C-alpha atoms as a PDB file:
ATOM      1  CA  MET A   1      24.334 -34.801 -59.638  1.00  0.00           C
ATOM      2  CA  THR A   2      23.621 -36.462 -56.152  1.00  0.00           C
ATOM      3  CA  PRO A   3      22.772 -39.988 -55.660  1.00  0.00           C
ATOM      4  CA  ARG A   4      19.470 -41.484 -55.119  1.00  0.00           C
ATOM      5  CA  PRO A   5      19.138 -41.964 -51.274  1.00  0.00           C
ATOM      6  CA  ASP A   6      18.270 -45.532 -49.914  1.00  0.00           C
ATOM      7  CA  ASP A   7      16.174 -46.947 -46.879  1.00  0.00           C
ATOM      8  CA  GLN A   8      19.433 -46.344 -44.723  1.00  0.00           C
ATOM      9  CA  ALA A   9      20.284 -43.052 -45.770  1.00  0.00           C
ATOM     10  CA  ARG A  10      16.543 -42.028 -45.493  1.00  0.00           C
ATOM     11  CA  THR A  11      16.316 -43.045 -41.740  1.00  0.00           C
ATOM     12  CA  ASP A  12      19.679 -41.929 -40.872  1.00  0.00           C
ATOM     13  CA  LEU A  13      18.043 -37.795 -41.930  1.00  0.00           C
ATOM     14  CA  ARG A  14      15.221 -38.575 -39.932  1.00  0.00           C
ATOM     15  CA  ASP A  15      17.009 -39.502 -36.843  1.00  0.00           C
ATOM     16  CA  LEU A  16      19.224 -36.527 -37.415  1.00  0.00           C
ATOM     17  CA  VAL A  17      16.312 -34.177 -37.854  1.00  0.00           C
ATOM     18  CA  ALA A  18      14.555 -35.682 -34.434  1.00  0.00           C
ATOM     19  CA  GLN A  19      17.478 -34.980 -32.713  1.00  0.00           C
ATOM     20  CA  ALA A  20      17.490 -31.166 -34.142  1.00  0.00           C
ATOM     21  CA  SER A  21      14.404 -30.807 -33.432  1.00  0.00           C
ATOM     22  CA  LYS A  22      14.692 -32.189 -29.685  1.00  0.00           C
ATOM     23  CA  ARG A  23      17.415 -29.657 -29.014  1.00  0.00           C
ATOM     24  CA  ARG A  24      15.228 -27.052 -30.274  1.00  0.00           C
ATOM     25  CA  GLU A  25      12.588 -27.721 -28.072  1.00  0.00           C
ATOM     26  CA  GLN A  26      14.780 -28.028 -24.757  1.00  0.00           C
ATOM     27  CA  GLU A  27      16.577 -24.827 -25.833  1.00  0.00           C
ATOM     28  CA  HIS A  28      13.118 -23.238 -26.177  1.00  0.00           C
ATOM     29  CA  GLU A  29      11.924 -24.251 -23.110  1.00  0.00           C
ATOM     30  CA  ARG A  30      15.407 -23.357 -21.596  1.00  0.00           C
ATOM     31  CA  ILE A  31      14.573 -19.620 -22.652  1.00  0.00           C
ATOM     32  CA  GLU A  32      11.272 -19.766 -21.826  1.00  0.00           C
ATOM     33  CA  THR A  33      11.892 -20.791 -18.424  1.00  0.00           C
ATOM     34  CA  GLU A  34      14.583 -17.863 -18.390  1.00  0.00           C
ATOM     35  CA  PHE A  35      12.566 -15.421 -19.646  1.00  0.00           C
ATOM     36  CA  TRP A  36       9.365 -16.220 -17.132  1.00  0.00           C
ATOM     37  CA  GLN A  37      11.650 -16.064 -14.391  1.00  0.00           C
ATOM     38  CA  GLU A  38      13.243 -12.717 -15.071  1.00  0.00           C
ATOM     39  CA  ILE A  39       9.773 -11.293 -15.572  1.00  0.00           C
ATOM     40  CA  ASP A  40       8.951 -12.508 -12.142  1.00  0.00           C
ATOM     41  CA  PHE A  41      11.427 -10.672 -10.635  1.00  0.00           C
ATOM     42  CA  LEU A  42      10.946  -7.699 -12.629  1.00  0.00           C
ATOM     43  CA  GLN A  43       6.981  -7.717 -11.696  1.00  0.00           C
ATOM     44  CA  ASN A  44       8.112  -6.810  -7.952  1.00  0.00           C
ATOM     45  CA  ARG A  45      10.389  -4.016  -8.580  1.00  0.00           C
ATOM     46  CA  TYR A  46       7.857  -1.490  -7.302  1.00  0.00           C
ATOM     47  CA  HIS A  47       4.049  -1.143  -6.755  1.00  0.00           C
ATOM     48  CA  GLY A  48       2.112  -1.098  -9.967  1.00  0.00           C
ATOM     49  CA  ALA A  49       5.324  -2.867 -11.857  1.00  0.00           C
ATOM     50  CA  GLN A  50       3.285  -5.647 -13.003  1.00  0.00           C
ATOM     51  CA  GLN A  51       0.435  -3.510 -15.068  1.00  0.00           C
ATOM     52  CA  ASP A  52       3.653  -2.136 -16.260  1.00  0.00           C
ATOM     53  CA  VAL A  53       5.642  -5.258 -17.563  1.00  0.00           C
ATOM     54  CA  ALA A  54       2.318  -6.048 -19.095  1.00  0.00           C
ATOM     55  CA  ASP A  55       1.954  -3.146 -20.686  1.00  0.00           C
ATOM     56  CA  ALA A  56       5.286  -3.405 -22.358  1.00  0.00           C
ATOM     57  CA  LEU A  57       5.054  -6.783 -23.188  1.00  0.00           C
ATOM     58  CA  GLY A  58       1.437  -6.202 -24.862  1.00  0.00           C
ATOM     59  CA  VAL A  59      -0.283  -8.575 -22.626  1.00  0.00           C
ATOM     60  CA  LYS A  60      -2.564  -9.024 -20.025  1.00  0.00           C
ATOM     61  CA  ARG A  61      -1.783  -9.305 -16.412  1.00  0.00           C
ATOM     62  CA  ASN A  62      -3.254 -12.087 -16.148  1.00  0.00           C
ATOM     63  CA  GLN A  63      -1.136 -13.835 -18.707  1.00  0.00           C
ATOM     64  CA  ILE A  64       1.937 -12.432 -16.449  1.00  0.00           C
ATOM     65  CA  LEU A  65       0.366 -14.219 -13.677  1.00  0.00           C
ATOM     66  CA  ARG A  66      -0.003 -17.840 -15.343  1.00  0.00           C
ATOM     67  CA  GLN A  67       3.216 -17.593 -16.989  1.00  0.00           C
ATOM     68  CA  THR A  68       5.148 -16.248 -14.212  1.00  0.00           C
ATOM     69  CA  LYS A  69       3.655 -19.291 -11.752  1.00  0.00           C
ATOM     70  CA  ARG A  70       4.171 -21.624 -14.475  1.00  0.00           C
ATOM     71  CA  TYR A  71       7.957 -21.061 -14.855  1.00  0.00           C
ATOM     72  CA  ARG A  72       8.383 -20.179 -11.259  1.00  0.00           C
ATOM     73  CA  SER A  73      11.632 -22.162  -9.593  1.00  0.00           C
ATOM     74  CA  ALA A  74      11.167 -24.237  -6.503  1.00  0.00           C
ATOM     75  CA  ASP A  75      13.383 -22.073  -4.607  1.00  0.00           C
ATOM     76  CA  GLN A  76      11.245 -18.565  -5.267  1.00  0.00           C
ATOM     77  CA  ASP A  77       8.949 -17.783  -2.745  1.00  0.00           C
ATOM     78  CA  PRO A  78       6.239 -15.653  -4.580  1.00  0.00           C
ATOM     79  CA  ASP A  79       5.595 -13.788  -1.447  1.00  0.00           C
ATOM     80  CA  ILE A  80       8.914 -11.898  -1.465  1.00  0.00           C
ATOM     81  CA  VAL A  81       9.283  -8.699  -2.646  1.00  0.00           C
ATOM     82  CA  ASN A  82      12.439  -8.043  -4.055  1.00  0.00           C
ATOM     83  CA  ASP A  83      13.952  -4.519  -3.599  1.00  0.00           C
END
């Protein structure tokens, strides 16, 4: 049987859980950013690609637009079409 925790053990555990949660949130944000930047690139592959991307993801084109604007990197110009 494991010993009953004292206040210090509980505090340490809460701190470790908070750290793990923070790492998870940071990784989630990084992955979301990479995903939407890739989608931003892909939606410009050809005329009509934005609708095809929306269909593949099962969302509306407006959501694609909002998310890609939100996660667009500062050096990306939205008016440049990638060939």
